[in-house]
Amino acid sequence: MVHFSAFQAFVLMMRQSLFSSYSFCYNAPMKHILVTGAAGGLGRSVSLALARQGYKVFALDVNLEALQGLTADRIITIQADITEIDSLMLAKEQVLTHTKGLDAIINMAGVFTMHSLIEIDPALMEKALSVNLMGTVRVNQIFFDLLAPGEGRIINCSSEVGRFPSIPFNGAYTISKKALEAYNDTLRRELGFFGYKVIKMQCGSFKTAMHTKTVEQFNYFKETTKMYGPTLRLLSPILEWELKHVNDTKHLDRAITKAVEATRPKKAYRVKNSLLLSLLTIFGERFSDLVFMVLGKVANKRTTKAIEK
């Protein structure tokens, strides 16, 4: 009888311990979250989704007009330019008027550029790096001391191109995202010493304003390139297929919510990545080079035949 009572006490203690842990992780969710790029695209969708879940969201964006349209309970809009330190410091002061700390920083701000690396305006390359990479670096450095010690989370929005083989004409964007991947992984290991979680979102294509801009930039590229006209005409059907298979932003909203709330979040969340790019990854770099080389030869042959006619 004594042994049985001791066993019961042990079981009761374990149940209480597990229940206490479960309650801590899910019944007391994070409350204050900073989101950059919050006025449009994926950032807007994520901000609204988190607000609906009961989080107080500090929504940062450079576009004041778009911010004014972001009206929802629990969302506090703050105009800020993530390429400017002074602007971010002013944003931090505004955050501190509402709370002394943050539970998560979510970097959603980003820009997309499409052109060949030989012909692209270097200023566009610099902008992609300044926003997609250095913007994230600035935000994390400036707001880091507001994160809950040992518990706060940093979520960096990367892209599927950060893990897939590099593809032609997407160089500026790809370079910025591959650099962001390296930054994220290094930061995760550095802050892991102190218990912080650093998570990357490897996003596929979603139906946002950036989707429309992709079409516009592709058309502009076709009109202005002096080297790749035939190749772009050949690749147009592939791009059109990819653009038709964009995903609803709700999938990313769910993934980010999981990254915020999970006791043990994944290091990386791959959300609706491209099937075509996945196939290139399976067969390796040499196969990818061969595919693009063949496409180039076919495009040039078609052009030669058209000229002869």
C-alpha atoms as a PDB file:
ATOM      1  CA  MET A   1       0.000   0.000   0.000  1.00  0.00           C
ATOM      2  CA  VAL A   2       2.874   2.352   0.807  1.00  0.00           C
ATOM      3  CA  HIS A   3       4.563   1.642  -2.516  1.00  0.00           C
ATOM      4  CA  PHE A   4       1.322   2.216  -4.391  1.00  0.00           C
ATOM      5  CA  SER A   5       0.806   5.612  -2.698  1.00  0.00           C
ATOM      6  CA  ALA A   6       4.338   6.646  -3.564  1.00  0.00           C
ATOM      7  CA  PHE A   7       3.712   5.685  -7.180  1.00  0.00           C
ATOM      8  CA  GLN A   8       0.480   7.688  -7.200  1.00  0.00           C
ATOM      9  CA  ALA A   9       2.315  10.706  -5.824  1.00  0.00           C
ATOM     10  CA  PHE A  10       4.946  10.374  -8.547  1.00  0.00           C
ATOM     11  CA  VAL A  11       2.313  10.175 -11.308  1.00  0.00           C
ATOM     12  CA  LEU A  12       0.461  13.167  -9.874  1.00  0.00           C
ATOM     13  CA  MET A  13       3.674  15.189  -9.742  1.00  0.00           C
ATOM     14  CA  MET A  14       4.474  14.373 -13.385  1.00  0.00           C
ATOM     15  CA  ARG A  15       0.959  15.281 -14.528  1.00  0.00           C
ATOM     16  CA  GLN A  16       1.132  18.598 -12.702  1.00  0.00           C
ATOM     17  CA  SER A  17       4.549  19.305 -14.200  1.00  0.00           C
ATOM     18  CA  LEU A  18       3.377  18.571 -17.747  1.00  0.00           C
ATOM     19  CA  PHE A  19       0.185  20.552 -17.288  1.00  0.00           C
ATOM     20  CA  SER A  20       2.114  23.502 -15.914  1.00  0.00           C
ATOM     21  CA  SER A  21       4.489  23.430 -18.878  1.00  0.00           C
ATOM     22  CA  TYR A  22       1.617  23.197 -21.330  1.00  0.00           C
ATOM     23  CA  SER A  23      -0.198  26.100 -19.700  1.00  0.00           C
ATOM     24  CA  PHE A  24       2.902  28.281 -19.809  1.00  0.00           C
ATOM     25  CA  CYS A  25       3.443  27.691 -23.492  1.00  0.00           C
ATOM     26  CA  TYR A  26      -0.086  28.066 -24.784  1.00  0.00           C
ATOM     27  CA  ASN A  27      -2.341  29.742 -22.229  1.00  0.00           C
ATOM     28  CA  ALA A  28       0.037  32.698 -21.837  1.00  0.00           C
ATOM     29  CA  PRO A  29       0.879  33.558 -25.451  1.00  0.00           C
ATOM     30  CA  MET A  30       3.195  36.336 -26.528  1.00  0.00           C
ATOM     31  CA  LYS A  31       1.611  39.769 -26.426  1.00  0.00           C
ATOM     32  CA  HIS A  32       3.789  42.350 -28.201  1.00  0.00           C
ATOM     33  CA  ILE A  33       5.142  41.772 -31.694  1.00  0.00           C
ATOM     34  CA  LEU A  34       6.986  44.077 -34.092  1.00  0.00           C
ATOM     35  CA  VAL A  35       6.371  43.529 -37.826  1.00  0.00           C
ATOM     36  CA  THR A  36       8.245  45.364 -40.584  1.00  0.00           C
ATOM     37  CA  GLY A  37       6.886  45.824 -44.104  1.00  0.00           C
ATOM     38  CA  ALA A  38       3.492  45.674 -42.437  1.00  0.00           C
ATOM     39  CA  ALA A  39       1.489  47.931 -44.742  1.00  0.00           C
ATOM     40  CA  GLY A  40       1.481  45.718 -47.811  1.00  0.00           C
ATOM     41  CA  GLY A  41       1.779  42.215 -49.161  1.00  0.00           C
ATOM     42  CA  LEU A  42       2.801  39.435 -46.826  1.00  0.00           C
ATOM     43  CA  GLY A  43       3.593  41.822 -43.976  1.00  0.00           C
ATOM     44  CA  ARG A  44       0.056  43.198 -43.992  1.00  0.00           C
ATOM     45  CA  SER A  45      -1.474  39.739 -44.057  1.00  0.00           C
ATOM     46  CA  VAL A  46       0.716  38.567 -41.178  1.00  0.00           C
ATOM     47  CA  SER A  47      -0.002  41.680 -39.092  1.00  0.00           C
ATOM     48  CA  LEU A  48      -3.762  41.276 -39.448  1.00  0.00           C
ATOM     49  CA  ALA A  49      -3.584  37.552 -38.718  1.00  0.00           C
ATOM     50  CA  LEU A  50      -1.590  38.093 -35.515  1.00  0.00           C
ATOM     51  CA  ALA A  51      -3.929  40.874 -34.401  1.00  0.00           C
ATOM     52  CA  ARG A  52      -6.884  38.527 -34.860  1.00  0.00           C
ATOM     53  CA  GLN A  53      -5.083  36.026 -32.642  1.00  0.00           C
ATOM     54  CA  GLY A  54      -4.959  38.602 -29.851  1.00  0.00           C
ATOM     55  CA  TYR A  55      -1.427  39.945 -30.205  1.00  0.00           C
ATOM     56  CA  LYS A  56      -0.609  43.631 -30.042  1.00  0.00           C
ATOM     57  CA  VAL A  57       1.218  44.361 -33.292  1.00  0.00           C
ATOM     58  CA  PHE A  58       3.550  47.290 -33.905  1.00  0.00           C
ATOM     59  CA  ALA A  59       3.250  47.646 -37.673  1.00  0.00           C
ATOM     60  CA  LEU A  60       6.241  49.379 -39.278  1.00  0.00           C
ATOM     61  CA  ASP A  61       6.353  50.523 -42.893  1.00  0.00           C
ATOM     62  CA  VAL A  62       7.814  53.374 -44.920  1.00  0.00           C
ATOM     63  CA  ASN A  63       4.553  53.863 -46.854  1.00  0.00           C
ATOM     64  CA  LEU A  64       2.470  56.232 -44.722  1.00  0.00           C
ATOM     65  CA  GLU A  65      -0.582  56.146 -47.000  1.00  0.00           C
ATOM     66  CA  ALA A  66      -0.690  52.338 -46.927  1.00  0.00           C
ATOM     67  CA  LEU A  67      -0.219  52.358 -43.148  1.00  0.00           C
ATOM     68  CA  GLN A  68      -3.236  54.610 -42.748  1.00  0.00           C
ATOM     69  CA  GLY A  69      -5.300  51.924 -44.454  1.00  0.00           C
ATOM     70  CA  LEU A  70      -4.137  49.316 -41.933  1.00  0.00           C
ATOM     71  CA  THR A  71      -6.895  49.777 -39.381  1.00  0.00           C
ATOM     72  CA  ALA A  72      -7.580  46.979 -36.931  1.00  0.00           C
ATOM     73  CA  ASP A  73      -7.833  46.471 -33.217  1.00  0.00           C
ATOM     74  CA  ARG A  74      -4.498  45.729 -31.534  1.00  0.00           C
ATOM     75  CA  ILE A  75      -2.455  47.193 -34.416  1.00  0.00           C
ATOM     76  CA  ILE A  76      -0.343  50.284 -33.793  1.00  0.00           C
ATOM     77  CA  THR A  77       1.045  51.736 -37.027  1.00  0.00           C
ATOM     78  CA  ILE A  78       4.435  53.454 -37.101  1.00  0.00           C
ATOM     79  CA  GLN A  79       6.044  54.990 -40.160  1.00  0.00           C
ATOM     80  CA  ALA A  80       9.694  53.967 -40.385  1.00  0.00           C
ATOM     81  CA  ASP A  81      12.352  53.485 -43.048  1.00  0.00           C
ATOM     82  CA  ILE A  82      14.390  50.362 -42.280  1.00  0.00           C
ATOM     83  CA  THR A  83      17.264  51.694 -44.399  1.00  0.00           C
ATOM     84  CA  GLU A  84      17.713  54.643 -42.013  1.00  0.00           C
ATOM     85  CA  ILE A  85      19.045  54.224 -38.452  1.00  0.00           C
ATOM     86  CA  ASP A  86      17.533  57.511 -37.223  1.00  0.00           C
ATOM     87  CA  SER A  87      14.101  56.527 -38.515  1.00  0.00           C
ATOM     88  CA  LEU A  88      14.266  53.211 -36.677  1.00  0.00           C
ATOM     89  CA  MET A  89      15.388  54.892 -33.460  1.00  0.00           C
ATOM     90  CA  LEU A  90      12.333  57.171 -33.606  1.00  0.00           C
ATOM     91  CA  ALA A  91      10.155  54.106 -34.202  1.00  0.00           C
ATOM     92  CA  LYS A  92      11.674  52.452 -31.135  1.00  0.00           C
ATOM     93  CA  GLU A  93      10.778  55.483 -29.023  1.00  0.00           C
ATOM     94  CA  GLN A  94       7.179  55.175 -30.172  1.00  0.00           C
ATOM     95  CA  VAL A  95       7.108  51.470 -29.303  1.00  0.00           C
ATOM     96  CA  LEU A  96       8.420  52.273 -25.816  1.00  0.00           C
ATOM     97  CA  THR A  97       5.461  54.556 -25.173  1.00  0.00           C
ATOM     98  CA  HIS A  98       3.255  51.447 -25.332  1.00  0.00           C
ATOM     99  CA  THR A  99       5.399  48.675 -23.875  1.00  0.00           C
ATOM    100  CA  LYS A 100       8.752  48.068 -22.218  1.00  0.00           C
ATOM    101  CA  GLY A 101       9.403  44.899 -24.169  1.00  0.00           C
ATOM    102  CA  LEU A 102       8.719  42.793 -27.232  1.00  0.00           C
ATOM    103  CA  ASP A 103       8.096  39.085 -27.474  1.00  0.00           C
ATOM    104  CA  ALA A 104       8.964  38.797 -31.154  1.00  0.00           C
ATOM    105  CA  ILE A 105      10.485  40.716 -34.064  1.00  0.00           C
ATOM    106  CA  ILE A 106       9.196  39.671 -37.485  1.00  0.00           C
ATOM    107  CA  ASN A 107      11.114  41.037 -40.475  1.00  0.00           C
ATOM    108  CA  MET A 108       8.763  41.027 -43.471  1.00  0.00           C
ATOM    109  CA  ALA A 109       9.994  44.097 -45.387  1.00  0.00           C
ATOM    110  CA  GLY A 110      11.484  43.336 -48.782  1.00  0.00           C
ATOM    111  CA  VAL A 111      11.876  44.470 -52.378  1.00  0.00           C
ATOM    112  CA  PHE A 112      12.016  42.469 -55.603  1.00  0.00           C
ATOM    113  CA  THR A 113      14.170  43.173 -58.648  1.00  0.00           C
ATOM    114  CA  MET A 114      14.395  41.269 -61.943  1.00  0.00           C
ATOM    115  CA  HIS A 115      17.118  41.815 -64.539  1.00  0.00           C
ATOM    116  CA  SER A 116      20.344  40.306 -65.803  1.00  0.00           C
ATOM    117  CA  LEU A 117      23.376  40.884 -63.591  1.00  0.00           C
ATOM    118  CA  ILE A 118      25.380  42.308 -66.482  1.00  0.00           C
ATOM    119  CA  GLU A 119      22.751  44.869 -67.453  1.00  0.00           C
ATOM    120  CA  ILE A 120      21.143  45.762 -64.128  1.00  0.00           C
ATOM    121  CA  ASP A 121      21.534  49.249 -62.656  1.00  0.00           C
ATOM    122  CA  PRO A 122      23.911  48.785 -59.681  1.00  0.00           C
ATOM    123  CA  ALA A 123      21.634  51.056 -57.651  1.00  0.00           C
ATOM    124  CA  LEU A 124      18.920  48.377 -57.833  1.00  0.00           C
ATOM    125  CA  MET A 125      21.376  45.807 -56.493  1.00  0.00           C
ATOM    126  CA  GLU A 126      22.283  48.123 -53.645  1.00  0.00           C
ATOM    127  CA  LYS A 127      18.617  48.727 -52.821  1.00  0.00           C
ATOM    128  CA  ALA A 128      17.877  45.001 -52.692  1.00  0.00           C
ATOM    129  CA  LEU A 129      20.748  44.470 -50.265  1.00  0.00           C
ATOM    130  CA  SER A 130      19.925  47.578 -48.235  1.00  0.00           C
ATOM    131  CA  VAL A 131      16.318  46.506 -47.667  1.00  0.00           C
ATOM    132  CA  ASN A 132      16.315  42.709 -47.767  1.00  0.00           C
ATOM    133  CA  LEU A 133      19.560  42.138 -45.871  1.00  0.00           C
ATOM    134  CA  MET A 134      20.779  45.269 -44.103  1.00  0.00           C
ATOM    135  CA  GLY A 135      17.250  46.392 -43.228  1.00  0.00           C
ATOM    136  CA  THR A 136      16.831  43.177 -41.273  1.00  0.00           C
ATOM    137  CA  VAL A 137      20.232  43.656 -39.635  1.00  0.00           C
ATOM    138  CA  ARG A 138      19.361  47.209 -38.548  1.00  0.00           C
ATOM    139  CA  VAL A 139      15.949  46.288 -37.157  1.00  0.00           C
ATOM    140  CA  ASN A 140      17.284  43.349 -35.153  1.00  0.00           C
ATOM    141  CA  GLN A 141      20.153  45.361 -33.693  1.00  0.00           C
ATOM    142  CA  ILE A 142      18.023  48.343 -32.696  1.00  0.00           C
ATOM    143  CA  PHE A 143      15.086  46.444 -31.204  1.00  0.00           C
ATOM    144  CA  PHE A 144      16.989  43.468 -29.753  1.00  0.00           C
ATOM    145  CA  ASP A 145      17.253  44.893 -26.239  1.00  0.00           C
ATOM    146  CA  LEU A 146      13.441  45.015 -26.074  1.00  0.00           C
ATOM    147  CA  LEU A 147      13.117  41.259 -26.568  1.00  0.00           C
ATOM    148  CA  ALA A 148      12.171  39.163 -23.554  1.00  0.00           C
ATOM    149  CA  PRO A 149      15.512  37.799 -22.212  1.00  0.00           C
ATOM    150  CA  GLY A 150      16.015  34.183 -23.175  1.00  0.00           C
ATOM    151  CA  GLU A 151      12.487  33.873 -24.550  1.00  0.00           C
ATOM    152  CA  GLY A 152      12.135  36.420 -27.356  1.00  0.00           C
ATOM    153  CA  ARG A 153      12.025  35.349 -30.979  1.00  0.00           C
ATOM    154  CA  ILE A 154      13.313  36.808 -34.212  1.00  0.00           C
ATOM    155  CA  ILE A 155      11.615  35.666 -37.413  1.00  0.00           C
ATOM    156  CA  ASN A 156      13.328  36.626 -40.667  1.00  0.00           C
ATOM    157  CA  CYS A 157      11.421  36.366 -43.936  1.00  0.00           C
ATOM    158  CA  SER A 158      13.742  34.770 -46.461  1.00  0.00           C
ATOM    159  CA  SER A 159      12.594  33.118 -49.682  1.00  0.00           C
ATOM    160  CA  GLU A 160      12.625  29.828 -51.504  1.00  0.00           C
ATOM    161  CA  VAL A 161      15.394  31.282 -53.700  1.00  0.00           C
ATOM    162  CA  GLY A 162      17.591  31.355 -50.611  1.00  0.00           C
ATOM    163  CA  ARG A 163      17.811  27.575 -50.594  1.00  0.00           C
ATOM    164  CA  PHE A 164      17.306  26.665 -54.256  1.00  0.00           C
ATOM    165  CA  PRO A 165      19.924  26.806 -57.048  1.00  0.00           C
ATOM    166  CA  SER A 166      20.311  30.324 -58.418  1.00  0.00           C
ATOM    167  CA  ILE A 167      18.249  30.954 -61.532  1.00  0.00           C
ATOM    168  CA  PRO A 168      18.894  33.472 -64.330  1.00  0.00           C
ATOM    169  CA  PHE A 169      17.562  37.033 -64.144  1.00  0.00           C
ATOM    170  CA  ASN A 170      16.644  36.828 -60.463  1.00  0.00           C
ATOM    171  CA  GLY A 171      20.173  37.600 -59.318  1.00  0.00           C
ATOM    172  CA  ALA A 172      19.767  40.758 -57.227  1.00  0.00           C
ATOM    173  CA  TYR A 173      16.893  39.306 -55.223  1.00  0.00           C
ATOM    174  CA  THR A 174      18.565  35.892 -54.888  1.00  0.00           C
ATOM    175  CA  ILE A 175      21.863  37.370 -53.709  1.00  0.00           C
ATOM    176  CA  SER A 176      20.081  39.373 -51.009  1.00  0.00           C
ATOM    177  CA  LYS A 177      18.126  36.326 -49.809  1.00  0.00           C
ATOM    178  CA  LYS A 178      21.079  33.917 -49.816  1.00  0.00           C
ATOM    179  CA  ALA A 179      22.994  36.495 -47.772  1.00  0.00           C
ATOM    180  CA  LEU A 180      19.985  36.740 -45.439  1.00  0.00           C
ATOM    181  CA  GLU A 181      20.033  32.953 -45.010  1.00  0.00           C
ATOM    182  CA  ALA A 182      23.678  33.072 -43.904  1.00  0.00           C
ATOM    183  CA  TYR A 183      22.921  35.985 -41.579  1.00  0.00           C
ATOM    184  CA  ASN A 184      19.934  34.178 -40.077  1.00  0.00           C
ATOM    185  CA  ASP A 185      21.808  30.929 -39.427  1.00  0.00           C
ATOM    186  CA  THR A 186      24.761  32.701 -37.834  1.00  0.00           C
ATOM    187  CA  LEU A 187      22.478  34.851 -35.686  1.00  0.00           C
ATOM    188  CA  ARG A 188      20.526  31.758 -34.590  1.00  0.00           C
ATOM    189  CA  ARG A 189      23.683  30.108 -33.298  1.00  0.00           C
ATOM    190  CA  GLU A 190      24.997  33.258 -31.641  1.00  0.00           C
ATOM    191  CA  LEU A 191      21.764  34.073 -29.811  1.00  0.00           C
ATOM    192  CA  GLY A 192      21.178  30.400 -29.065  1.00  0.00           C
ATOM    193  CA  PHE A 193      23.791  30.737 -26.310  1.00  0.00           C
ATOM    194  CA  PHE A 194      21.251  32.906 -24.452  1.00  0.00           C
ATOM    195  CA  GLY A 195      18.079  30.996 -25.249  1.00  0.00           C
ATOM    196  CA  TYR A 196      16.660  33.216 -27.989  1.00  0.00           C
ATOM    197  CA  LYS A 197      14.998  31.589 -30.998  1.00  0.00           C
ATOM    198  CA  VAL A 198      15.875  32.809 -34.508  1.00  0.00           C
ATOM    199  CA  ILE A 199      13.684  31.392 -37.273  1.00  0.00           C
ATOM    200  CA  LYS A 200      13.625  31.826 -41.038  1.00  0.00           C
ATOM    201  CA  MET A 201      10.617  31.634 -43.317  1.00  0.00           C
ATOM    202  CA  GLN A 202      11.474  30.274 -46.784  1.00  0.00           C
ATOM    203  CA  CYS A 203       8.488  31.579 -48.703  1.00  0.00           C
ATOM    204  CA  GLY A 204       7.243  30.566 -52.105  1.00  0.00           C
ATOM    205  CA  SER A 205       5.102  32.726 -54.375  1.00  0.00           C
ATOM    206  CA  PHE A 206       1.997  34.366 -52.905  1.00  0.00           C
ATOM    207  CA  LYS A 207      -0.770  36.509 -54.310  1.00  0.00           C
ATOM    208  CA  THR A 208       0.348  39.998 -53.257  1.00  0.00           C
ATOM    209  CA  ALA A 209       1.319  43.300 -54.851  1.00  0.00           C
ATOM    210  CA  MET A 210       4.825  41.880 -55.370  1.00  0.00           C
ATOM    211  CA  HIS A 211       3.241  39.287 -57.652  1.00  0.00           C
ATOM    212  CA  THR A 212       1.952  42.086 -59.888  1.00  0.00           C
ATOM    213  CA  LYS A 213       5.314  43.858 -59.786  1.00  0.00           C
ATOM    214  CA  THR A 214       7.021  40.652 -60.927  1.00  0.00           C
ATOM    215  CA  VAL A 215       4.980  40.724 -64.124  1.00  0.00           C
ATOM    216  CA  GLU A 216       5.726  44.425 -64.642  1.00  0.00           C
ATOM    217  CA  GLN A 217       9.450  43.946 -64.103  1.00  0.00           C
ATOM    218  CA  PHE A 218       9.579  40.960 -66.441  1.00  0.00           C
ATOM    219  CA  ASN A 219       7.898  42.992 -69.184  1.00  0.00           C
ATOM    220  CA  TYR A 220      10.275  45.907 -68.560  1.00  0.00           C
ATOM    221  CA  PHE A 221      13.223  43.511 -68.713  1.00  0.00           C
ATOM    222  CA  LYS A 222      12.046  42.156 -72.084  1.00  0.00           C
ATOM    223  CA  GLU A 223      11.753  45.693 -73.442  1.00  0.00           C
ATOM    224  CA  THR A 224      15.130  46.953 -72.241  1.00  0.00           C
ATOM    225  CA  THR A 225      17.525  44.015 -72.491  1.00  0.00           C
ATOM    226  CA  LYS A 226      20.005  44.029 -75.362  1.00  0.00           C
ATOM    227  CA  MET A 227      21.230  40.499 -74.697  1.00  0.00           C
ATOM    228  CA  TYR A 228      18.374  38.219 -73.662  1.00  0.00           C
ATOM    229  CA  GLY A 229      15.351  39.015 -75.844  1.00  0.00           C
ATOM    230  CA  PRO A 230      15.143  35.543 -77.473  1.00  0.00           C
ATOM    231  CA  THR A 231      15.723  33.769 -74.177  1.00  0.00           C
ATOM    232  CA  LEU A 232      13.018  35.743 -72.400  1.00  0.00           C
ATOM    233  CA  ARG A 233      10.501  35.015 -75.150  1.00  0.00           C
ATOM    234  CA  LEU A 234      11.233  31.311 -74.689  1.00  0.00           C
ATOM    235  CA  LEU A 235      10.955  31.536 -70.891  1.00  0.00           C
ATOM    236  CA  SER A 236       7.719  33.534 -70.901  1.00  0.00           C
ATOM    237  CA  PRO A 237       5.425  30.451 -70.738  1.00  0.00           C
ATOM    238  CA  ILE A 238       7.360  29.127 -67.741  1.00  0.00           C
ATOM    239  CA  LEU A 239       7.032  32.430 -65.898  1.00  0.00           C
ATOM    240  CA  GLU A 240       3.344  32.625 -66.772  1.00  0.00           C
ATOM    241  CA  TRP A 241       2.829  29.111 -65.385  1.00  0.00           C
ATOM    242  CA  GLU A 242       4.583  30.054 -62.146  1.00  0.00           C
ATOM    243  CA  LEU A 243       2.539  33.250 -61.808  1.00  0.00           C
ATOM    244  CA  LYS A 244      -0.705  31.340 -62.251  1.00  0.00           C
ATOM    245  CA  HIS A 245       0.221  29.015 -59.397  1.00  0.00           C
ATOM    246  CA  VAL A 246       0.557  31.567 -56.627  1.00  0.00           C
ATOM    247  CA  ASN A 247      -0.661  30.732 -53.143  1.00  0.00           C
ATOM    248  CA  ASP A 248      -3.022  32.278 -50.635  1.00  0.00           C
ATOM    249  CA  THR A 249      -1.243  34.263 -47.923  1.00  0.00           C
ATOM    250  CA  LYS A 250      -3.127  32.323 -45.241  1.00  0.00           C
ATOM    251  CA  HIS A 251      -0.532  29.562 -45.522  1.00  0.00           C
ATOM    252  CA  LEU A 252       2.266  31.894 -44.468  1.00  0.00           C
ATOM    253  CA  ASP A 253       0.080  33.425 -41.748  1.00  0.00           C
ATOM    254  CA  ARG A 254      -0.342  29.963 -40.226  1.00  0.00           C
ATOM    255  CA  ALA A 255       3.364  29.162 -40.462  1.00  0.00           C
ATOM    256  CA  ILE A 256       4.381  32.395 -38.745  1.00  0.00           C
ATOM    257  CA  THR A 257       1.783  31.893 -36.026  1.00  0.00           C
ATOM    258  CA  LYS A 258       3.266  28.446 -35.387  1.00  0.00           C
ATOM    259  CA  ALA A 259       6.778  29.924 -35.277  1.00  0.00           C
ATOM    260  CA  VAL A 260       5.598  32.470 -32.718  1.00  0.00           C
ATOM    261  CA  GLU A 261       3.685  30.052 -30.489  1.00  0.00           C
ATOM    262  CA  ALA A 262       5.450  26.684 -30.717  1.00  0.00           C
ATOM    263  CA  THR A 263       7.421  25.543 -27.693  1.00  0.00           C
ATOM    264  CA  ARG A 264      10.113  24.231 -30.023  1.00  0.00           C
ATOM    265  CA  PRO A 265       9.750  26.038 -33.343  1.00  0.00           C
ATOM    266  CA  LYS A 266      11.474  24.785 -36.461  1.00  0.00           C
ATOM    267  CA  LYS A 267      14.694  26.470 -37.519  1.00  0.00           C
ATOM    268  CA  ALA A 268      13.167  27.022 -40.943  1.00  0.00           C
ATOM    269  CA  TYR A 269       9.632  26.906 -42.317  1.00  0.00           C
ATOM    270  CA  ARG A 270       9.332  26.104 -46.019  1.00  0.00           C
ATOM    271  CA  VAL A 271       5.992  27.511 -47.109  1.00  0.00           C
ATOM    272  CA  LYS A 272       4.558  26.628 -50.536  1.00  0.00           C
ATOM    273  CA  ASN A 273       7.870  26.381 -52.388  1.00  0.00           C
ATOM    274  CA  SER A 274       7.980  26.043 -56.191  1.00  0.00           C
ATOM    275  CA  LEU A 275       7.672  22.556 -57.652  1.00  0.00           C
ATOM    276  CA  LEU A 276       9.884  23.457 -60.628  1.00  0.00           C
ATOM    277  CA  LEU A 277      12.664  24.827 -58.426  1.00  0.00           C
ATOM    278  CA  SER A 278      12.364  21.790 -56.158  1.00  0.00           C
ATOM    279  CA  LEU A 279      12.993  19.530 -59.149  1.00  0.00           C
ATOM    280  CA  LEU A 280      16.148  21.485 -60.031  1.00  0.00           C
ATOM    281  CA  THR A 281      17.379  20.961 -56.470  1.00  0.00           C
ATOM    282  CA  ILE A 282      16.848  17.200 -56.669  1.00  0.00           C
ATOM    283  CA  PHE A 283      19.024  16.833 -59.762  1.00  0.00           C
ATOM    284  CA  GLY A 284      21.795  19.177 -58.598  1.00  0.00           C
ATOM    285  CA  GLU A 285      23.763  22.165 -59.879  1.00  0.00           C
ATOM    286  CA  ARG A 286      25.199  20.458 -62.970  1.00  0.00           C
ATOM    287  CA  PHE A 287      21.736  19.499 -64.181  1.00  0.00           C
ATOM    288  CA  SER A 288      20.494  23.066 -63.598  1.00  0.00           C
ATOM    289  CA  ASP A 289      23.378  24.464 -65.664  1.00  0.00           C
ATOM    290  CA  LEU A 290      22.566  22.010 -68.460  1.00  0.00           C
ATOM    291  CA  VAL A 291      18.873  22.960 -68.495  1.00  0.00           C
ATOM    292  CA  PHE A 292      19.593  26.676 -68.827  1.00  0.00           C
ATOM    293  CA  MET A 293      22.319  26.105 -71.428  1.00  0.00           C
ATOM    294  CA  VAL A 294      19.933  24.068 -73.589  1.00  0.00           C
ATOM    295  CA  LEU A 295      17.208  26.705 -73.241  1.00  0.00           C
ATOM    296  CA  GLY A 296      19.669  29.367 -74.363  1.00  0.00           C
ATOM    297  CA  LYS A 297      20.720  27.380 -77.431  1.00  0.00           C
ATOM    298  CA  VAL A 298      17.120  26.702 -78.426  1.00  0.00           C
ATOM    299  CA  ALA A 299      16.238  30.402 -78.077  1.00  0.00           C
ATOM    300  CA  ASN A 300      19.209  31.479 -80.200  1.00  0.00           C
ATOM    301  CA  LYS A 301      18.428  28.915 -82.909  1.00  0.00           C
ATOM    302  CA  ARG A 302      14.848  30.150 -83.143  1.00  0.00           C
ATOM    303  CA  THR A 303      16.104  33.712 -83.543  1.00  0.00           C
ATOM    304  CA  THR A 304      18.571  32.695 -86.253  1.00  0.00           C
ATOM    305  CA  LYS A 305      15.872  30.870 -88.232  1.00  0.00           C
ATOM    306  CA  ALA A 306      13.495  33.824 -87.938  1.00  0.00           C
ATOM    307  CA  ILE A 307      16.187  36.179 -89.288  1.00  0.00           C
ATOM    308  CA  GLU A 308      16.975  33.845 -92.215  1.00  0.00           C
ATOM    309  CA  LYS A 309      13.302  33.758 -93.196  1.00  0.00           C
END
